[in-house]
Protein backbone atom coordinates (compact mmCIF):
# COMPACT_ATOMS: atom_id res chain seq x y z
CA UNK A 1 20.60 -9.09 -14.75
CA UNK A 2 18.65 -6.26 -13.52
CA UNK A 3 17.43 -8.01 -10.69
CA UNK A 4 20.95 -8.82 -9.59
CA UNK A 5 21.98 -5.36 -9.75
CA UNK A 6 18.70 -4.28 -7.57
CA UNK A 7 20.03 -7.20 -5.09
CA UNK A 8 23.35 -5.32 -4.82
CA UNK A 9 21.73 -2.05 -4.45
CA UNK A 10 19.29 -3.57 -1.64
CA UNK A 11 22.12 -4.98 0.12
CA UNK A 12 24.25 -1.84 0.28
CA UNK A 13 21.24 -0.09 1.40
CA UNK A 14 20.56 -2.20 4.31
CA UNK A 15 24.24 -2.59 5.31
CA UNK A 16 24.40 1.19 5.62
CA UNK A 17 21.22 1.59 7.20
CA UNK A 18 22.26 -1.08 9.85
CA UNK A 19 25.63 -0.41 10.86
CA UNK A 20 25.27 -2.61 14.09
CA UNK A 21 23.99 -5.70 12.21
CA UNK A 22 27.02 -8.37 12.58
CA UNK A 23 25.35 -10.71 10.08
CA UNK A 24 25.38 -10.46 6.45
CA UNK A 25 22.44 -8.19 4.56
CA UNK A 26 21.44 -11.38 2.78
CA UNK A 27 20.40 -12.97 5.87
CA UNK A 28 17.92 -10.12 6.68
CA UNK A 29 16.51 -9.84 3.13
CA UNK A 30 14.76 -12.99 3.00
CA UNK A 31 11.79 -14.16 0.58
CA UNK A 32 9.31 -13.60 3.53
CA UNK A 33 9.51 -9.88 3.31
CA UNK A 34 9.27 -9.74 -0.75
CA UNK A 35 6.63 -12.32 -0.76
CA UNK A 36 4.37 -11.27 1.97
CA UNK A 37 4.60 -7.74 0.71
CA UNK A 38 6.05 -6.16 3.75
CA UNK A 39 5.60 -2.36 3.39
CA UNK A 40 8.91 -1.69 5.19
CA UNK A 41 10.68 -3.79 2.91
CA UNK A 42 9.01 -2.06 -0.15
CA UNK A 43 9.93 1.51 1.37
CA UNK A 44 13.72 0.60 1.74
CA UNK A 45 13.51 -0.63 -1.88
CA UNK A 46 11.80 2.47 -3.36
CA UNK A 47 14.45 4.66 -1.90
CA UNK A 48 17.01 2.96 -4.30
CA UNK A 49 15.01 4.45 -7.38
CA UNK A 50 12.98 7.66 -8.73
CA UNK A 51 10.23 5.59 -10.61
CA UNK A 52 8.92 2.30 -11.12
CA UNK A 53 8.27 0.74 -14.66
CA UNK A 54 6.81 -3.04 -14.75
CA UNK A 55 8.10 -4.24 -18.02
CA UNK A 56 7.77 -8.02 -16.71
CA UNK A 57 4.31 -9.73 -17.94
CA UNK A 58 5.17 -12.63 -16.11
CA UNK A 59 5.58 -11.06 -12.66
CA UNK A 60 2.85 -8.66 -13.00
CA UNK A 61 0.20 -11.12 -11.20
CA UNK A 62 2.51 -10.97 -8.09
CA UNK A 63 1.70 -9.13 -4.89
CA UNK A 64 5.08 -8.90 -3.65
CA UNK A 65 7.27 -5.98 -2.24
CA UNK A 66 9.14 -5.16 -5.49
CA UNK A 67 6.17 -5.47 -7.91
CA UNK A 68 3.39 -3.96 -5.86
CA UNK A 69 4.52 -2.96 -2.73
CA UNK A 70 7.08 -0.13 -3.94
CA UNK A 71 4.24 1.57 -6.19
CA UNK A 72 2.94 2.98 -2.99
CA UNK A 73 6.08 4.52 -2.43
CA UNK A 74 7.24 5.74 -6.01
CA UNK A 75 5.27 7.99 -8.30
CA UNK A 76 5.46 7.79 -11.19
CA UNK A 77 4.65 3.96 -11.29
CA UNK A 78 3.72 2.91 -15.08
CA UNK A 79 3.73 -0.05 -17.40
CA UNK A 80 6.74 -0.41 -19.48
CA UNK A 81 6.33 -0.85 -23.42
CA UNK A 82 6.75 -4.61 -23.69
CA UNK A 83 4.11 -5.10 -20.63
CA UNK A 84 1.61 -2.60 -22.99
CA UNK A 85 2.49 -4.59 -25.89
CA UNK A 86 1.57 -8.01 -24.25
CA UNK A 87 -1.65 -6.56 -22.93
CA UNK A 88 -2.35 -4.98 -26.09
CA UNK A 89 -1.93 -8.25 -28.19
CA UNK A 90 -4.32 -10.00 -25.40
CA UNK A 91 -6.98 -7.45 -25.82
CA UNK A 92 -7.35 -8.36 -29.67
CA UNK A 93 -6.93 -11.84 -28.78
CA UNK A 94 -9.85 -12.06 -26.66
CA UNK A 95 -12.33 -9.73 -27.97
CA UNK A 96 -15.62 -11.82 -27.01
CA UNK A 97 -16.39 -14.74 -24.97
CA UNK A 98 -19.95 -16.19 -23.78
CA UNK A 99 -21.41 -19.21 -21.73
CA UNK A 100 -24.46 -19.85 -23.36
CA UNK A 101 -26.31 -22.72 -20.77
CA UNK A 102 -29.24 -24.39 -20.16
CA UNK A 103 -31.55 -27.41 -20.76
CA UNK A 104 -33.15 -26.38 -24.25
CA UNK A 105 -30.53 -26.09 -26.91
CA UNK A 106 -33.27 -24.52 -28.98
CA UNK A 107 -33.95 -21.70 -27.12
CA UNK A 108 -30.06 -20.71 -27.56
CA UNK A 109 -29.98 -21.16 -31.47
CA UNK A 110 -30.68 -17.71 -32.02
CA UNK A 111 -27.98 -16.45 -30.10
CA UNK A 112 -25.45 -19.37 -31.42
CA UNK A 113 -26.85 -17.75 -35.40
CA UNK A 114 -26.09 -14.34 -34.71
CA UNK A 115 -23.38 -12.51 -36.50
CA UNK A 116 -22.18 -11.18 -33.08
CA UNK A 117 -21.17 -14.58 -31.79
CA UNK A 118 -18.56 -17.10 -33.40
CA UNK A 119 -18.39 -20.01 -30.96
CA UNK A 120 -15.12 -21.94 -31.45
CA UNK A 121 -16.22 -24.70 -28.99
CA UNK A 122 -19.18 -26.25 -27.59
CA UNK A 123 -19.42 -28.62 -24.21
């Protein structure tokens, strides 16, 4: 829903900035500019808002103009409450991990038996 509103604002911005453009603004906003994190595209997006809040955990890994690029032009750029909740959950879920390797298992028994290490699976 928000992305649709942003898309309309983006279209309006590009239409206003490009009066000589005879084509539709949709034609000039392709996935190339977004996915390649085009700085000019990100700068135009940044003019639409006053700050950036990333609250979409599923898109945080993307280095796109609307997720990473705009942060270079907007202050503040922050994580939202839902994103923070996801991160807090992950920190609690993955508190410790270790890879124990080598040919002699007998030399690793001490580490495996220690109270600081509770393995779930061995391979």
